[in-house]
Amino acid sequence: MRTILILNPKGGCGKSTLATNIAGYYAQQGKRVSLADCDAQCTSSDWLKVRPDHFAKIDCAVVKDGMLHIENTTEILVMDSPASVHDQKLVNLIRPAQTVVIPVLPSPLDMRAAERFLHELISLRNKIGRKVKIATVANRVREDTLAAAKLEYYLEKLKLPDGSRIPFMTVLRASQNYIQAAENGMTLFELAPWKTYYDREQWGPLLRWLNSSRSIP
């Protein structure tokens, strides 16, 4: 089973938007997809509740007593993580994952928080007990701004303590298309192609990476 975790302990960085759109993308490809909402705010679960029946099916992976209950036919599991998760809770969250996608907002606070979080991940690697592929995404970016340029430069240069570079996948703009899709239980890939062409182009590098062996341990 393919497992993809959207992770950042800082709230409001767009984890649920990435999780629902990744789940919807794979469901459209004919995969059996489960979406696990590990966040107490239940944003992804609420999205699933309003998802129209005629769209590609996405199962809800129930989190009960700290355990994930997943349909045994699941091919792709997408996990939407909570904010403020650290230490053993973070270890438990990462253990099932093959791939971790970290969305980062274009602000100095978010960039510094992301760097601290990456150092925490490295410090916990022995407890996690498996290799995990990590990539970053610049999210909710207002294009052609100084903040956007600084974030892109920062993520391109971001490295692990051993000096290896963390893959920076793409820049996703702040677009009303995401709001419209979320309100209707849809994904960017289920809105009209002519309306979402530019946004879909921005998703291209991330989806190609997720579909490649480079994103799997």
Protein backbone atom coordinates (compact mmCIF):
# COMPACT_ATOMS: atom_id res chain seq x y z
CA MET A 1 0.00 0.00 0.00
CA ARG A 2 1.28 3.44 -0.95
CA THR A 3 1.28 5.83 2.02
CA ILE A 4 1.60 9.62 1.73
CA LEU A 5 1.62 11.87 4.79
CA ILE A 6 1.02 15.62 4.64
CA LEU A 7 2.88 16.98 7.62
CA ASN A 8 3.72 20.24 9.33
CA PRO A 9 3.19 20.89 13.05
CA LYS A 10 2.28 24.51 12.31
CA GLY A 11 -1.43 25.03 11.75
CA GLY A 12 -2.95 26.88 8.81
CA CYS A 13 -0.34 25.90 6.22
CA GLY A 14 -2.76 24.09 3.89
CA LYS A 15 -2.22 20.45 4.86
CA SER A 16 -5.86 19.52 4.28
CA THR A 17 -5.87 21.19 0.87
CA LEU A 18 -2.89 19.11 -0.21
CA ALA A 19 -4.27 15.92 1.33
CA THR A 20 -7.70 16.16 -0.31
CA ASN A 21 -6.31 17.11 -3.71
CA ILE A 22 -3.74 14.30 -3.68
CA ALA A 23 -6.43 11.81 -2.64
CA GLY A 24 -8.75 13.07 -5.37
CA TYR A 25 -6.03 12.92 -8.00
CA TYR A 26 -5.29 9.26 -7.32
CA ALA A 27 -8.99 8.40 -7.12
CA GLN A 28 -9.41 9.89 -10.59
CA GLN A 29 -6.60 7.63 -11.78
CA GLY A 30 -8.72 4.63 -10.81
CA LYS A 31 -6.88 3.84 -7.56
CA ARG A 32 -8.61 2.65 -4.41
CA VAL A 33 -7.90 5.60 -2.14
CA SER A 34 -8.40 6.09 1.60
CA LEU A 35 -8.07 9.48 3.26
CA ALA A 36 -7.12 9.49 6.95
CA ASP A 37 -8.06 12.63 8.85
CA CYS A 38 -5.78 12.64 11.90
CA ASP A 39 -6.60 16.26 12.75
CA ALA A 40 -9.12 17.07 15.49
CA GLN A 41 -10.46 19.91 13.32
CA CYS A 42 -11.76 17.21 10.91
CA THR A 43 -11.31 19.37 7.81
CA SER A 44 -10.66 16.43 5.49
CA SER A 45 -13.50 14.38 7.00
CA ASP A 46 -15.91 17.28 6.51
CA TRP A 47 -14.74 17.54 2.90
CA LEU A 48 -15.49 13.85 2.36
CA LYS A 49 -19.00 14.28 3.79
CA VAL A 50 -19.95 16.83 1.13
CA ARG A 51 -18.20 15.05 -1.73
CA PRO A 52 -20.71 14.28 -4.52
CA ASP A 53 -21.45 10.58 -5.06
CA HIS A 54 -20.79 10.75 -8.81
CA PHE A 55 -17.13 11.68 -8.32
CA ALA A 56 -14.38 9.07 -7.90
CA LYS A 57 -14.83 7.35 -4.54
CA ILE A 58 -12.50 8.07 -1.63
CA ASP A 59 -12.86 5.98 1.52
CA CYS A 60 -12.53 7.50 4.97
CA ALA A 61 -9.85 5.83 7.05
CA VAL A 62 -11.14 6.04 10.60
CA VAL A 63 -8.79 6.98 13.42
CA LYS A 64 -9.97 5.26 16.62
CA ASP A 65 -8.06 5.01 19.90
CA GLY A 66 -4.94 6.18 18.11
CA MET A 67 -5.18 3.41 15.50
CA LEU A 68 -5.91 3.71 11.79
CA HIS A 69 -8.68 1.49 10.45
CA ILE A 70 -8.23 1.20 6.69
CA GLU A 71 -10.18 -0.64 3.99
CA ASN A 72 -8.16 -3.74 3.14
CA THR A 73 -8.50 -2.98 -0.58
CA THR A 74 -6.77 0.40 -0.22
CA GLU A 75 -4.00 1.05 -2.74
CA ILE A 76 -3.23 4.67 -1.77
CA LEU A 77 -3.46 6.01 1.77
CA VAL A 78 -3.25 9.79 2.18
CA MET A 79 -2.89 11.05 5.75
CA ASP A 80 -3.82 14.57 6.84
CA SER A 81 -1.89 15.32 10.03
CA PRO A 82 -2.79 17.56 12.99
CA ALA A 83 -0.94 20.67 14.11
CA SER A 84 1.33 20.75 17.16
CA VAL A 85 2.40 17.12 16.97
CA HIS A 86 5.81 16.30 18.42
CA ASP A 87 7.90 13.60 20.12
CA GLN A 88 6.26 10.15 20.34
CA LYS A 89 3.04 11.30 18.70
CA LEU A 90 5.08 12.46 15.73
CA VAL A 91 6.91 9.12 15.61
CA ASN A 92 3.61 7.22 15.63
CA LEU A 93 2.27 9.40 12.84
CA ILE A 94 5.28 8.96 10.57
CA ARG A 95 5.83 5.23 11.06
CA PRO A 96 3.21 4.10 8.49
CA ALA A 97 4.36 6.64 5.90
CA GLN A 98 6.61 6.12 2.91
CA THR A 99 6.47 9.72 1.76
CA VAL A 100 6.14 12.99 3.66
CA VAL A 101 5.10 16.24 1.94
CA ILE A 102 5.68 19.41 3.97
CA PRO A 103 3.76 22.54 2.90
CA VAL A 104 5.40 25.82 3.92
CA LEU A 105 3.85 29.29 3.79
CA PRO A 106 5.74 32.39 2.57
CA SER A 107 6.53 33.98 5.91
CA PRO A 108 9.71 34.12 8.02
CA LEU A 109 7.88 32.50 10.95
CA ASP A 110 6.80 29.54 8.83
CA MET A 111 10.23 29.11 7.28
CA ARG A 112 11.95 29.05 10.66
CA ALA A 113 9.31 26.67 12.04
CA ALA A 114 9.84 24.34 9.07
CA GLU A 115 13.58 24.24 9.66
CA ARG A 116 13.16 23.43 13.36
CA PHE A 117 10.68 20.73 12.46
CA LEU A 118 13.07 19.10 9.99
CA HIS A 119 15.76 18.97 12.68
CA GLU A 120 13.24 17.33 15.02
CA LEU A 121 12.44 14.73 12.34
CA ILE A 122 16.12 13.88 12.00
CA SER A 123 16.54 13.60 15.76
CA LEU A 124 13.70 11.04 15.85
CA ARG A 125 14.87 8.90 12.92
CA ASN A 126 16.04 6.02 15.11
CA LYS A 127 12.65 5.84 16.82
CA ILE A 128 10.80 5.98 13.51
CA GLY A 129 12.70 2.88 12.42
CA ARG A 130 12.32 3.26 8.66
CA LYS A 131 13.46 5.49 5.86
CA VAL A 132 10.99 8.11 4.71
CA LYS A 133 11.23 10.31 1.63
CA ILE A 134 10.62 14.00 2.35
CA ALA A 135 9.81 16.90 0.03
CA THR A 136 8.65 20.48 0.52
CA VAL A 137 6.01 22.56 -1.25
CA ALA A 138 5.64 26.34 -1.17
CA ASN A 139 1.93 26.78 -0.49
CA ARG A 140 -0.62 29.60 -0.75
CA VAL A 141 1.91 31.82 -2.46
CA ARG A 142 1.05 35.23 -3.85
CA GLU A 143 3.11 35.27 -6.99
CA ASP A 144 5.55 38.00 -7.97
CA THR A 145 6.01 39.11 -4.37
CA LEU A 146 9.23 39.42 -2.38
CA ALA A 147 7.92 36.93 0.19
CA ALA A 148 7.31 34.35 -2.56
CA ALA A 149 10.81 34.80 -3.95
CA LYS A 150 12.37 34.47 -0.49
CA LEU A 151 10.42 31.28 0.24
CA GLU A 152 11.34 29.68 -3.07
CA TYR A 153 15.02 30.51 -2.56
CA TYR A 154 14.90 29.21 1.01
CA LEU A 155 13.29 25.89 0.08
CA GLU A 156 15.66 25.35 -2.83
CA LYS A 157 18.63 25.67 -0.46
CA LEU A 158 17.16 23.75 2.49
CA LYS A 159 19.34 20.84 3.60
CA LEU A 160 19.33 18.08 6.15
CA PRO A 161 22.00 18.08 8.88
CA ASP A 162 24.09 15.62 6.82
CA GLY A 163 24.25 18.16 3.98
CA SER A 164 21.85 16.41 1.59
CA ARG A 165 19.29 18.65 -0.06
CA ILE A 166 15.60 18.23 0.62
CA PRO A 167 13.67 18.09 -2.66
CA PHE A 168 11.64 21.25 -3.24
CA MET A 169 8.82 20.25 -5.56
CA THR A 170 6.77 23.25 -6.58
CA VAL A 171 5.06 26.55 -5.80
CA LEU A 172 1.27 26.44 -5.38
CA ARG A 173 -0.37 29.82 -5.69
CA ALA A 174 -3.13 31.23 -3.49
CA SER A 175 -6.08 30.55 -5.79
CA GLN A 176 -9.86 30.80 -5.41
CA ASN A 177 -10.05 27.49 -7.25
CA TYR A 178 -8.99 25.66 -4.09
CA ILE A 179 -11.71 27.39 -2.06
CA GLN A 180 -14.39 26.59 -4.62
CA ALA A 181 -13.30 22.95 -4.81
CA ALA A 182 -13.18 22.54 -1.03
CA GLU A 183 -16.65 23.99 -0.54
CA ASN A 184 -18.12 21.37 -2.88
CA GLY A 185 -16.16 18.29 -1.83
CA MET A 186 -14.18 18.44 -5.05
CA THR A 187 -10.54 18.72 -6.04
CA LEU A 188 -8.71 21.04 -8.35
CA PHE A 189 -8.65 18.18 -10.88
CA GLU A 190 -12.45 17.97 -10.94
CA LEU A 191 -13.03 21.62 -11.81
CA ALA A 192 -13.11 22.74 -15.42
CA PRO A 193 -9.65 22.26 -17.04
CA TRP A 194 -9.80 25.66 -18.74
CA LYS A 195 -10.32 27.30 -15.35
CA THR A 196 -7.61 25.38 -13.49
CA TYR A 197 -5.00 24.95 -16.20
CA TYR A 198 -2.35 27.09 -14.49
CA ASP A 199 -2.93 25.49 -11.08
CA ARG A 200 -2.69 22.00 -12.59
CA GLU A 201 0.61 22.97 -14.20
CA GLN A 202 1.94 23.96 -10.78
CA TRP A 203 0.96 20.53 -9.41
CA GLY A 204 2.85 18.74 -12.18
CA PRO A 205 6.30 18.47 -10.50
CA LEU A 206 4.82 17.21 -7.21
CA LEU A 207 2.65 14.58 -8.90
CA ARG A 208 5.51 13.37 -11.09
CA TRP A 209 7.67 12.98 -7.98
CA LEU A 210 4.93 11.12 -6.10
CA ASN A 211 4.50 8.79 -9.06
CA SER A 212 8.23 8.08 -9.33
CA SER A 213 10.50 5.72 -7.44
CA ARG A 214 12.32 8.76 -6.04
CA SER A 215 9.48 9.32 -3.55
CA ILE A 216 9.48 5.76 -2.22
CA PRO A 217 12.11 4.40 0.22
